[in-house]
Amino acid sequence: MITYNDIYEAARKERYSEQLQRLSKNFIDEVSNYLKEKKDIASKEDDVFSDVIVKTKKQLENAITLFKELMLRRRKKILNLVLIAAETGISKQDFENMLTIEKELFENLMKCIDSSDKKLSESLNGKKENSQKNELIVFKEDVDELVDLKGDKIGPFEKGQIVNISKEIAQILIDDSKADLVME
């Protein structure tokens, strides 16, 4: 069972160390149980002025603050590790000190960095990103009101009307021979 001193000590070690500190694999569950237990004690209304309840409430507030500080410091270190790993690779020791949820965060951030690096590389090599989401079409006939892919109503449209519309809807209208693509 974790205690207030354990949370305090974990936060203190994290604060004064450059490296990500090792925590037990079930640290978050233990903190959750600790906080639940303290909330149960603090919520007892038998004697509002009881020293035990007042002390417990203060200890609960401090424990929550320490835990938030601990997790924030760990996230900052993980962000730094992501930046370092993107350039050089990661130290196995640091990865081993991550909690499961932190490993997932690290992996997801690395995927984002890799994706961003690929896009940057493609841009530098002259490949243009085809991110155009709309098409300019001209209607060949009158078309009643439609519902787009987001569920919003669009239209009605008249024959000859030129509209800038999402690619998906434009393709459906073109396939149904109700509109043509306007060439640039």
N, C-alpha and C. Protein backbone atom coordinates (compact mmCIF):
# COMPACT_ATOMS: atom_id res chain seq x y z
N MET A 1 0.84 -1.18 0.00
CA MET A 1 0.00 0.00 0.00
C MET A 1 0.88 1.25 0.00
N ILE A 2 0.56 2.17 -0.87
CA ILE A 2 1.33 3.40 -0.98
C ILE A 2 0.91 4.39 0.11
N THR A 3 1.83 5.23 0.52
CA THR A 3 1.54 6.24 1.54
C THR A 3 1.80 7.63 0.97
N TYR A 4 1.41 8.62 1.73
CA TYR A 4 1.67 10.00 1.34
C TYR A 4 3.17 10.21 1.15
N ASN A 5 3.96 9.65 2.06
CA ASN A 5 5.42 9.80 1.97
C ASN A 5 5.98 9.19 0.69
N ASP A 6 5.38 8.10 0.23
CA ASP A 6 5.82 7.47 -1.02
C ASP A 6 5.57 8.40 -2.21
N ILE A 7 4.41 9.03 -2.22
CA ILE A 7 4.07 9.98 -3.30
C ILE A 7 5.01 11.18 -3.24
N TYR A 8 5.22 11.69 -2.02
CA TYR A 8 6.13 12.83 -1.83
C TYR A 8 7.54 12.49 -2.30
N GLU A 9 8.00 11.31 -1.92
CA GLU A 9 9.36 10.88 -2.28
C GLU A 9 9.50 10.71 -3.79
N ALA A 10 8.48 10.15 -4.44
CA ALA A 10 8.52 9.98 -5.90
C ALA A 10 8.57 11.34 -6.59
N ALA A 11 7.77 12.28 -6.13
CA ALA A 11 7.76 13.63 -6.71
C ALA A 11 9.11 14.33 -6.48
N ARG A 12 9.67 14.16 -5.28
CA ARG A 12 10.95 14.79 -4.95
C ARG A 12 12.06 14.23 -5.83
N LYS A 13 12.11 12.91 -6.00
CA LYS A 13 13.15 12.29 -6.83
C LYS A 13 13.02 12.74 -8.28
N GLU A 14 11.79 12.82 -8.76
CA GLU A 14 11.56 13.24 -10.15
C GLU A 14 11.99 14.70 -10.34
N ARG A 15 11.73 15.53 -9.33
CA ARG A 15 12.04 16.95 -9.40
C ARG A 15 13.55 17.19 -9.49
N TYR A 16 14.33 16.40 -8.76
CA TYR A 16 15.77 16.67 -8.67
C TYR A 16 16.63 15.77 -9.54
N SER A 17 16.01 15.06 -10.45
CA SER A 17 16.78 14.18 -11.32
C SER A 17 16.52 14.53 -12.78
N GLU A 18 17.56 14.43 -13.57
CA GLU A 18 17.43 14.66 -15.02
C GLU A 18 16.77 13.46 -15.69
N GLN A 19 17.04 12.27 -15.16
CA GLN A 19 16.53 11.03 -15.74
C GLN A 19 15.12 10.74 -15.25
N LEU A 20 14.39 10.01 -16.08
CA LEU A 20 13.07 9.53 -15.69
C LEU A 20 13.25 8.50 -14.58
N GLN A 21 12.57 8.69 -13.46
CA GLN A 21 12.75 7.80 -12.33
C GLN A 21 11.87 6.56 -12.44
N ARG A 22 12.35 5.46 -11.89
CA ARG A 22 11.60 4.20 -11.92
C ARG A 22 10.47 4.27 -10.89
N LEU A 23 9.28 3.91 -11.35
CA LEU A 23 8.12 3.77 -10.47
C LEU A 23 7.63 2.34 -10.59
N SER A 24 6.95 1.86 -9.57
CA SER A 24 6.40 0.50 -9.67
C SER A 24 5.38 0.45 -10.79
N LYS A 25 5.22 -0.71 -11.40
CA LYS A 25 4.32 -0.87 -12.55
C LYS A 25 2.88 -0.52 -12.20
N ASN A 26 2.49 -0.72 -10.95
CA ASN A 26 1.11 -0.42 -10.55
C ASN A 26 1.03 0.86 -9.71
N PHE A 27 1.96 1.77 -9.92
CA PHE A 27 2.03 3.01 -9.15
C PHE A 27 0.73 3.81 -9.25
N ILE A 28 0.21 3.96 -10.46
CA ILE A 28 -1.00 4.77 -10.64
C ILE A 28 -2.19 4.12 -9.94
N ASP A 29 -2.30 2.80 -10.02
CA ASP A 29 -3.38 2.10 -9.30
C ASP A 29 -3.26 2.29 -7.80
N GLU A 30 -2.04 2.20 -7.30
CA GLU A 30 -1.81 2.39 -5.87
C GLU A 30 -2.16 3.81 -5.43
N VAL A 31 -1.78 4.79 -6.24
CA VAL A 31 -2.13 6.18 -5.91
C VAL A 31 -3.65 6.36 -5.95
N SER A 32 -4.29 5.75 -6.94
CA SER A 32 -5.74 5.82 -7.04
C SER A 32 -6.41 5.25 -5.79
N ASN A 33 -5.94 4.11 -5.34
CA ASN A 33 -6.49 3.50 -4.11
C ASN A 33 -6.24 4.38 -2.90
N TYR A 34 -5.03 4.94 -2.82
CA TYR A 34 -4.69 5.83 -1.71
C TYR A 34 -5.63 7.04 -1.68
N LEU A 35 -5.81 7.67 -2.85
CA LEU A 35 -6.67 8.86 -2.92
C LEU A 35 -8.12 8.51 -2.58
N LYS A 36 -8.58 7.37 -3.05
CA LYS A 36 -9.95 6.95 -2.75
C LYS A 36 -10.13 6.76 -1.25
N GLU A 37 -9.16 6.11 -0.64
CA GLU A 37 -9.22 5.87 0.81
C GLU A 37 -9.26 7.19 1.57
N LYS A 38 -8.40 8.12 1.19
CA LYS A 38 -8.36 9.42 1.86
C LYS A 38 -9.65 10.22 1.63
N LYS A 39 -10.21 10.12 0.42
CA LYS A 39 -11.48 10.81 0.14
C LYS A 39 -12.59 10.25 1.02
N ASP A 40 -12.59 8.93 1.19
CA ASP A 40 -13.61 8.31 2.04
C ASP A 40 -13.50 8.81 3.47
N ILE A 41 -12.30 8.89 3.98
CA ILE A 41 -12.09 9.38 5.35
C ILE A 41 -12.48 10.85 5.45
N ALA A 42 -12.06 11.65 4.46
CA ALA A 42 -12.32 13.09 4.49
C ALA A 42 -13.79 13.41 4.31
N SER A 43 -14.55 12.53 3.70
CA SER A 43 -15.96 12.82 3.45
C SER A 43 -16.86 12.49 4.62
N LYS A 44 -16.30 11.86 5.64
CA LYS A 44 -17.11 11.54 6.82
C LYS A 44 -17.47 12.83 7.53
N GLU A 45 -18.74 13.00 7.77
CA GLU A 45 -19.24 14.25 8.36
C GLU A 45 -19.56 14.09 9.85
N ASP A 46 -19.05 13.03 10.47
CA ASP A 46 -19.36 12.79 11.88
C ASP A 46 -18.96 13.98 12.74
N ASP A 47 -17.73 14.38 12.59
CA ASP A 47 -17.23 15.51 13.37
C ASP A 47 -16.40 16.38 12.44
N VAL A 48 -17.04 17.46 11.93
CA VAL A 48 -16.40 18.32 10.94
C VAL A 48 -15.10 18.92 11.46
N PHE A 49 -15.03 19.13 12.76
CA PHE A 49 -13.84 19.78 13.33
C PHE A 49 -12.82 18.79 13.87
N SER A 50 -13.03 17.54 13.58
CA SER A 50 -12.10 16.52 14.04
C SER A 50 -10.73 16.78 13.40
N ASP A 51 -9.70 16.71 14.23
CA ASP A 51 -8.34 16.95 13.74
C ASP A 51 -7.94 15.93 12.68
N VAL A 52 -8.39 14.69 12.84
CA VAL A 52 -8.05 13.64 11.89
C VAL A 52 -8.63 13.96 10.52
N ILE A 53 -9.87 14.39 10.48
CA ILE A 53 -10.52 14.70 9.20
C ILE A 53 -9.87 15.92 8.54
N VAL A 54 -9.59 16.94 9.31
CA VAL A 54 -8.94 18.13 8.78
C VAL A 54 -7.56 17.78 8.23
N LYS A 55 -6.81 17.00 8.99
CA LYS A 55 -5.47 16.59 8.56
C LYS A 55 -5.56 15.73 7.29
N THR A 56 -6.52 14.83 7.25
CA THR A 56 -6.70 13.96 6.09
C THR A 56 -7.06 14.76 4.85
N LYS A 57 -7.94 15.76 5.00
CA LYS A 57 -8.31 16.61 3.85
C LYS A 57 -7.09 17.35 3.31
N LYS A 58 -6.28 17.88 4.21
CA LYS A 58 -5.08 18.60 3.79
C LYS A 58 -4.09 17.65 3.12
N GLN A 59 -3.94 16.46 3.69
CA GLN A 59 -3.04 15.47 3.12
C GLN A 59 -3.53 15.04 1.73
N LEU A 60 -4.84 14.91 1.57
CA LEU A 60 -5.43 14.55 0.28
C LEU A 60 -5.13 15.64 -0.75
N GLU A 61 -5.35 16.90 -0.40
CA GLU A 61 -5.06 18.02 -1.31
C GLU A 61 -3.59 18.01 -1.71
N ASN A 62 -2.72 17.84 -0.73
CA ASN A 62 -1.27 17.83 -1.01
C ASN A 62 -0.88 16.64 -1.88
N ALA A 63 -1.46 15.49 -1.62
CA ALA A 63 -1.14 14.29 -2.40
C ALA A 63 -1.56 14.48 -3.87
N ILE A 64 -2.74 15.08 -4.08
CA ILE A 64 -3.20 15.33 -5.44
C ILE A 64 -2.26 16.30 -6.14
N THR A 65 -1.86 17.35 -5.45
CA THR A 65 -0.93 18.33 -6.01
C THR A 65 0.41 17.68 -6.35
N LEU A 66 0.93 16.88 -5.44
CA LEU A 66 2.21 16.20 -5.68
C LEU A 66 2.11 15.24 -6.86
N PHE A 67 1.01 14.49 -6.95
CA PHE A 67 0.85 13.55 -8.05
C PHE A 67 0.78 14.28 -9.38
N LYS A 68 0.04 15.38 -9.43
CA LYS A 68 -0.05 16.17 -10.68
C LYS A 68 1.32 16.70 -11.07
N GLU A 69 2.07 17.20 -10.09
CA GLU A 69 3.42 17.71 -10.36
C GLU A 69 4.32 16.59 -10.87
N LEU A 70 4.23 15.43 -10.24
CA LEU A 70 5.02 14.27 -10.64
C LEU A 70 4.74 13.91 -12.10
N MET A 71 3.47 13.81 -12.45
CA MET A 71 3.10 13.40 -13.81
C MET A 71 3.49 14.48 -14.84
N LEU A 72 3.37 15.75 -14.47
CA LEU A 72 3.77 16.83 -15.37
C LEU A 72 5.28 16.77 -15.63
N ARG A 73 6.07 16.59 -14.59
CA ARG A 73 7.52 16.49 -14.75
C ARG A 73 7.89 15.29 -15.62
N ARG A 74 7.20 14.17 -15.42
CA ARG A 74 7.48 12.98 -16.22
C ARG A 74 7.12 13.23 -17.68
N ARG A 75 6.01 13.91 -17.93
CA ARG A 75 5.63 14.21 -19.33
C ARG A 75 6.67 15.11 -19.99
N LYS A 76 7.15 16.09 -19.26
CA LYS A 76 8.20 16.97 -19.83
C LYS A 76 9.43 16.16 -20.20
N LYS A 77 9.82 15.24 -19.33
CA LYS A 77 10.98 14.40 -19.61
C LYS A 77 10.72 13.50 -20.81
N ILE A 78 9.51 12.99 -20.91
CA ILE A 78 9.16 12.13 -22.06
C ILE A 78 9.20 12.94 -23.34
N LEU A 79 8.69 14.18 -23.31
CA LEU A 79 8.77 15.04 -24.50
C LEU A 79 10.22 15.27 -24.91
N ASN A 80 11.07 15.50 -23.94
CA ASN A 80 12.50 15.67 -24.25
C ASN A 80 13.08 14.38 -24.83
N LEU A 81 12.68 13.23 -24.28
CA LEU A 81 13.16 11.95 -24.80
C LEU A 81 12.68 11.72 -26.23
N VAL A 82 11.46 12.15 -26.53
CA VAL A 82 10.94 12.02 -27.89
C VAL A 82 11.80 12.83 -28.85
N LEU A 83 12.12 14.05 -28.47
CA LEU A 83 12.95 14.90 -29.34
C LEU A 83 14.34 14.30 -29.53
N ILE A 84 14.91 13.78 -28.46
CA ILE A 84 16.23 13.17 -28.54
C ILE A 84 16.16 11.90 -29.39
N ALA A 85 15.15 11.07 -29.14
CA ALA A 85 15.01 9.81 -29.86
C ALA A 85 14.78 10.04 -31.34
N ALA A 86 14.08 11.11 -31.69
CA ALA A 86 13.82 11.42 -33.09
C ALA A 86 15.13 11.71 -33.83
N GLU A 87 16.10 12.21 -33.11
CA GLU A 87 17.38 12.55 -33.72
C GLU A 87 18.44 11.46 -33.56
N THR A 88 18.45 10.81 -32.40
CA THR A 88 19.57 9.92 -32.10
C THR A 88 19.19 8.51 -31.69
N GLY A 89 18.00 8.30 -31.20
CA GLY A 89 17.62 7.01 -30.61
C GLY A 89 17.43 7.21 -29.12
N ILE A 90 16.87 6.23 -28.45
CA ILE A 90 16.58 6.39 -27.02
C ILE A 90 17.40 5.42 -26.19
N SER A 91 17.73 5.88 -25.02
CA SER A 91 18.42 5.03 -24.06
C SER A 91 17.43 3.99 -23.54
N LYS A 92 17.82 2.73 -23.55
CA LYS A 92 16.96 1.63 -23.11
C LYS A 92 16.55 1.83 -21.66
N GLN A 93 17.43 2.39 -20.87
CA GLN A 93 17.16 2.61 -19.45
C GLN A 93 15.96 3.55 -19.28
N ASP A 94 15.92 4.62 -20.06
CA ASP A 94 14.81 5.57 -19.94
C ASP A 94 13.49 4.93 -20.34
N PHE A 95 13.52 4.11 -21.38
CA PHE A 95 12.30 3.46 -21.84
C PHE A 95 11.79 2.47 -20.79
N GLU A 96 12.71 1.80 -20.13
CA GLU A 96 12.33 0.83 -19.09
C GLU A 96 11.72 1.51 -17.87
N ASN A 97 12.06 2.77 -17.63
CA ASN A 97 11.53 3.50 -16.48
C ASN A 97 10.14 4.09 -16.73
N MET A 98 9.63 3.95 -17.95
CA MET A 98 8.31 4.50 -18.27
C MET A 98 7.21 3.55 -17.82
N LEU A 99 6.12 4.14 -17.36
CA LEU A 99 4.92 3.37 -17.08
C LEU A 99 4.29 2.98 -18.41
N THR A 100 3.40 2.02 -18.41
CA THR A 100 2.77 1.55 -19.65
C THR A 100 2.10 2.70 -20.40
N ILE A 101 1.37 3.53 -19.69
CA ILE A 101 0.68 4.66 -20.33
C ILE A 101 1.68 5.65 -20.91
N GLU A 102 2.83 5.79 -20.27
CA GLU A 102 3.87 6.69 -20.76
C GLU A 102 4.54 6.11 -22.01
N LYS A 103 4.69 4.79 -22.07
CA LYS A 103 5.26 4.14 -23.25
C LYS A 103 4.34 4.38 -24.45
N GLU A 104 3.03 4.27 -24.22
CA GLU A 104 2.06 4.53 -25.30
C GLU A 104 2.17 5.98 -25.77
N LEU A 105 2.27 6.90 -24.83
CA LEU A 105 2.43 8.32 -25.17
C LEU A 105 3.69 8.51 -26.00
N PHE A 106 4.77 7.92 -25.56
CA PHE A 106 6.05 8.02 -26.26
C PHE A 106 5.92 7.49 -27.69
N GLU A 107 5.35 6.30 -27.83
CA GLU A 107 5.20 5.68 -29.16
C GLU A 107 4.33 6.55 -30.08
N ASN A 108 3.22 7.06 -29.55
CA ASN A 108 2.34 7.90 -30.37
C ASN A 108 3.02 9.20 -30.79
N LEU A 109 3.78 9.79 -29.88
CA LEU A 109 4.51 11.01 -30.23
C LEU A 109 5.59 10.73 -31.28
N MET A 110 6.24 9.57 -31.15
CA MET A 110 7.26 9.20 -32.14
C MET A 110 6.64 9.02 -33.52
N LYS A 111 5.44 8.42 -33.57
CA LYS A 111 4.74 8.26 -34.85
C LYS A 111 4.41 9.61 -35.46
N CYS A 112 3.98 10.55 -34.63
CA CYS A 112 3.67 11.90 -35.12
C CYS A 112 4.92 12.60 -35.66
N ILE A 113 6.03 12.47 -34.94
CA ILE A 113 7.29 13.07 -35.38
C ILE A 113 7.73 12.44 -36.70
N ASP A 114 7.65 11.10 -36.80
CA ASP A 114 8.04 10.41 -38.04
C ASP A 114 7.18 10.87 -39.21
N SER A 115 5.88 10.97 -38.99
CA SER A 115 4.97 11.41 -40.04
C SER A 115 5.30 12.85 -40.47
N SER A 116 5.55 13.69 -39.49
CA SER A 116 5.91 15.08 -39.78
C SER A 116 7.22 15.15 -40.55
N ASP A 117 8.20 14.35 -40.16
CA ASP A 117 9.49 14.32 -40.86
C ASP A 117 9.32 13.87 -42.31
N LYS A 118 8.45 12.86 -42.54
CA LYS A 118 8.21 12.39 -43.91
C LYS A 118 7.58 13.50 -44.75
N LYS A 119 6.61 14.20 -44.19
CA LYS A 119 5.95 15.29 -44.92
C LYS A 119 6.94 16.42 -45.22
N LEU A 120 7.78 16.72 -44.25
CA LEU A 120 8.80 17.75 -44.45
C LEU A 120 9.76 17.33 -45.55
N SER A 121 10.19 16.08 -45.51
CA SER A 121 11.10 15.56 -46.52
C SER A 121 10.46 15.60 -47.90
N GLU A 122 9.20 15.20 -48.01
CA GLU A 122 8.50 15.24 -49.29
C GLU A 122 8.39 16.67 -49.81
N SER A 123 8.11 17.60 -48.91
CA SER A 123 8.01 19.01 -49.31
C SER A 123 9.35 19.53 -49.81
N LEU A 124 10.41 19.15 -49.12
CA LEU A 124 11.74 19.59 -49.52
C LEU A 124 12.16 18.96 -50.85
N ASN A 125 11.67 17.75 -51.13
CA ASN A 125 12.01 17.07 -52.37
C ASN A 125 11.06 17.39 -53.51
N GLY A 126 10.20 18.37 -53.30
CA GLY A 126 9.34 18.85 -54.38
C GLY A 126 8.01 18.14 -54.53
N LYS A 127 7.71 17.19 -53.70
CA LYS A 127 6.41 16.53 -53.77
C LYS A 127 5.40 17.42 -53.07
N LYS A 128 4.36 17.78 -53.80
CA LYS A 128 3.33 18.62 -53.21
C LYS A 128 2.29 17.75 -52.55
N GLU A 129 1.85 18.20 -51.40
CA GLU A 129 0.81 17.49 -50.67
C GLU A 129 -0.53 17.80 -51.30
N ASN A 130 -1.27 16.78 -51.66
CA ASN A 130 -2.58 16.99 -52.27
C ASN A 130 -3.62 17.03 -51.17
N SER A 131 -3.74 18.19 -50.57
CA SER A 131 -4.63 18.31 -49.42
C SER A 131 -5.90 19.08 -49.77
N GLN A 132 -6.13 19.28 -51.07
CA GLN A 132 -7.33 19.99 -51.48
C GLN A 132 -8.53 19.12 -51.13
N LYS A 133 -9.45 19.70 -50.36
CA LYS A 133 -10.58 18.93 -49.87
C LYS A 133 -11.86 19.24 -50.64
N ASN A 134 -11.85 20.28 -51.45
CA ASN A 134 -13.04 20.69 -52.20
C ASN A 134 -12.78 20.64 -53.70
N GLU A 135 -13.86 20.55 -54.43
CA GLU A 135 -13.81 20.59 -55.89
C GLU A 135 -14.78 21.67 -56.38
N LEU A 136 -14.44 22.29 -57.48
CA LEU A 136 -15.31 23.27 -58.12
C LEU A 136 -16.09 22.53 -59.20
N ILE A 137 -17.43 22.53 -59.06
CA ILE A 137 -18.27 21.82 -60.03
C ILE A 137 -19.33 22.76 -60.58
N VAL A 138 -19.83 22.41 -61.77
CA VAL A 138 -20.94 23.13 -62.39
C VAL A 138 -22.09 22.14 -62.55
N PHE A 139 -23.27 22.55 -62.16
CA PHE A 139 -24.43 21.66 -62.22
C PHE A 139 -24.98 21.60 -63.64
N LYS A 140 -25.31 20.39 -64.09
CA LYS A 140 -25.88 20.15 -65.42
C LYS A 140 -27.40 20.16 -65.37
N GLU A 141 -27.96 20.09 -64.18
CA GLU A 141 -29.41 20.11 -64.00
C GLU A 141 -29.73 20.63 -62.60
N ASP A 142 -30.98 20.97 -62.37
CA ASP A 142 -31.41 21.40 -61.04
C ASP A 142 -31.30 20.22 -60.08
N VAL A 143 -30.80 20.48 -58.87
CA VAL A 143 -30.66 19.44 -57.86
C VAL A 143 -31.27 19.95 -56.56
N ASP A 144 -32.12 19.12 -55.96
CA ASP A 144 -32.77 19.49 -54.70
C ASP A 144 -31.74 19.52 -53.57
N GLU A 145 -32.23 19.94 -52.41
CA GLU A 145 -31.39 20.02 -51.22
C GLU A 145 -30.78 18.64 -50.91
N LEU A 146 -29.50 18.62 -50.49
CA LEU A 146 -28.77 17.39 -50.17
C LEU A 146 -28.30 17.43 -48.72
N VAL A 147 -27.91 16.28 -48.22
CA VAL A 147 -27.27 16.19 -46.91
C VAL A 147 -25.84 15.76 -47.17
N ASP A 148 -24.87 16.56 -46.67
CA ASP A 148 -23.46 16.21 -46.91
C ASP A 148 -23.01 15.14 -45.93
N LEU A 149 -21.74 14.78 -45.98
CA LEU A 149 -21.21 13.68 -45.16
C LEU A 149 -21.18 14.01 -43.68
N LYS A 150 -21.27 15.29 -43.34
CA LYS A 150 -21.29 15.71 -41.94
C LYS A 150 -22.72 15.79 -41.40
N GLY A 151 -23.70 15.58 -42.30
CA GLY A 151 -25.10 15.65 -41.90
C GLY A 151 -25.71 17.03 -42.07
N ASP A 152 -24.95 17.97 -42.65
CA ASP A 152 -25.45 19.33 -42.88
C ASP A 152 -26.20 19.38 -44.21
N LYS A 153 -27.23 20.21 -44.26
CA LYS A 153 -27.99 20.37 -45.49
C LYS A 153 -27.27 21.36 -46.41
N ILE A 154 -27.21 21.02 -47.70
CA ILE A 154 -26.61 21.92 -48.70
C ILE A 154 -27.56 21.98 -49.89
N GLY A 155 -27.54 23.10 -50.56
CA GLY A 155 -28.40 23.25 -51.74
C GLY A 155 -29.72 23.91 -51.36
N PRO A 156 -30.67 23.92 -52.26
CA PRO A 156 -30.73 23.33 -53.60
C PRO A 156 -29.85 24.08 -54.59
N PHE A 157 -29.58 23.42 -55.73
CA PHE A 157 -28.70 23.98 -56.74
C PHE A 157 -29.46 24.06 -58.07
N GLU A 158 -29.10 25.07 -58.87
CA GLU A 158 -29.74 25.26 -60.17
C GLU A 158 -28.78 24.89 -61.29
N LYS A 159 -29.34 24.53 -62.44
CA LYS A 159 -28.56 24.20 -63.62
C LYS A 159 -27.64 25.39 -63.95
N GLY A 160 -26.36 25.11 -64.20
CA GLY A 160 -25.40 26.15 -64.54
C GLY A 160 -24.70 26.78 -63.34
N GLN A 161 -25.19 26.50 -62.14
CA GLN A 161 -24.59 27.06 -60.93
C GLN A 161 -23.24 26.41 -60.68
N ILE A 162 -22.23 27.23 -60.32
CA ILE A 162 -20.89 26.74 -60.01
C ILE A 162 -20.73 26.79 -58.49
N VAL A 163 -20.29 25.65 -57.93
CA VAL A 163 -20.21 25.52 -56.47
C VAL A 163 -18.88 24.87 -56.08
N ASN A 164 -18.29 25.38 -55.00
CA ASN A 164 -17.11 24.77 -54.40
C ASN A 164 -17.61 23.84 -53.30
N ILE A 165 -17.46 22.54 -53.50
CA ILE A 165 -18.08 21.55 -52.63
C ILE A 165 -17.07 20.46 -52.30
N SER A 166 -17.31 19.71 -51.23
CA SER A 166 -16.35 18.67 -50.81
C SER A 166 -16.15 17.66 -51.94
N LYS A 167 -14.92 17.12 -52.01
CA LYS A 167 -14.57 16.17 -53.07
C LYS A 167 -15.51 14.98 -53.12
N GLU A 168 -15.87 14.46 -51.94
CA GLU A 168 -16.71 13.27 -51.88
C GLU A 168 -18.08 13.53 -52.50
N ILE A 169 -18.72 14.63 -52.11
CA ILE A 169 -20.04 14.97 -52.64
C ILE A 169 -19.93 15.29 -54.13
N ALA A 170 -18.87 16.02 -54.51
CA ALA A 170 -18.67 16.36 -55.91
C ALA A 170 -18.57 15.10 -56.76
N GLN A 171 -17.83 14.10 -56.26
CA GLN A 171 -17.67 12.86 -57.02
C GLN A 171 -19.00 12.12 -57.18
N ILE A 172 -19.83 12.13 -56.14
CA ILE A 172 -21.15 11.49 -56.23
C ILE A 172 -22.00 12.18 -57.29
N LEU A 173 -22.00 13.52 -57.29
CA LEU A 173 -22.80 14.29 -58.26
C LEU A 173 -22.28 14.07 -59.69
N ILE A 174 -20.98 14.00 -59.85
CA ILE A 174 -20.38 13.78 -61.17
C ILE A 174 -20.72 12.37 -61.66
N ASP A 175 -20.61 11.39 -60.76
CA ASP A 175 -20.93 9.99 -61.12
C ASP A 175 -22.40 9.85 -61.52
N ASP A 176 -23.28 10.63 -60.91
CA ASP A 176 -24.72 10.59 -61.23
C ASP A 176 -25.06 11.47 -62.44
N SER A 177 -24.04 12.05 -63.09
CA SER A 177 -24.20 12.93 -64.25
C SER A 177 -25.07 14.16 -63.95
N LYS A 178 -25.00 14.62 -62.72
CA LYS A 178 -25.75 15.83 -62.34
C LYS A 178 -24.85 17.06 -62.36
N ALA A 179 -23.52 16.84 -62.41
CA ALA A 179 -22.59 17.96 -62.41
C ALA A 179 -21.32 17.55 -63.14
N ASP A 180 -20.55 18.57 -63.54
CA ASP A 180 -19.24 18.35 -64.15
C ASP A 180 -18.19 19.11 -63.36
N LEU A 181 -16.99 18.60 -63.39
CA LEU A 181 -15.87 19.25 -62.75
C LEU A 181 -15.46 20.47 -63.56
N VAL A 182 -15.26 21.61 -62.88
CA VAL A 182 -14.79 22.81 -63.56
C VAL A 182 -13.27 22.72 -63.65
N MET A 183 -12.71 22.75 -64.85
CA MET A 183 -11.26 22.65 -65.04
C MET A 183 -10.65 23.99 -64.70
N GLU A 184 -9.48 23.92 -64.07
CA GLU A 184 -8.78 25.15 -63.68
C GLU A 184 -8.03 25.74 -64.85
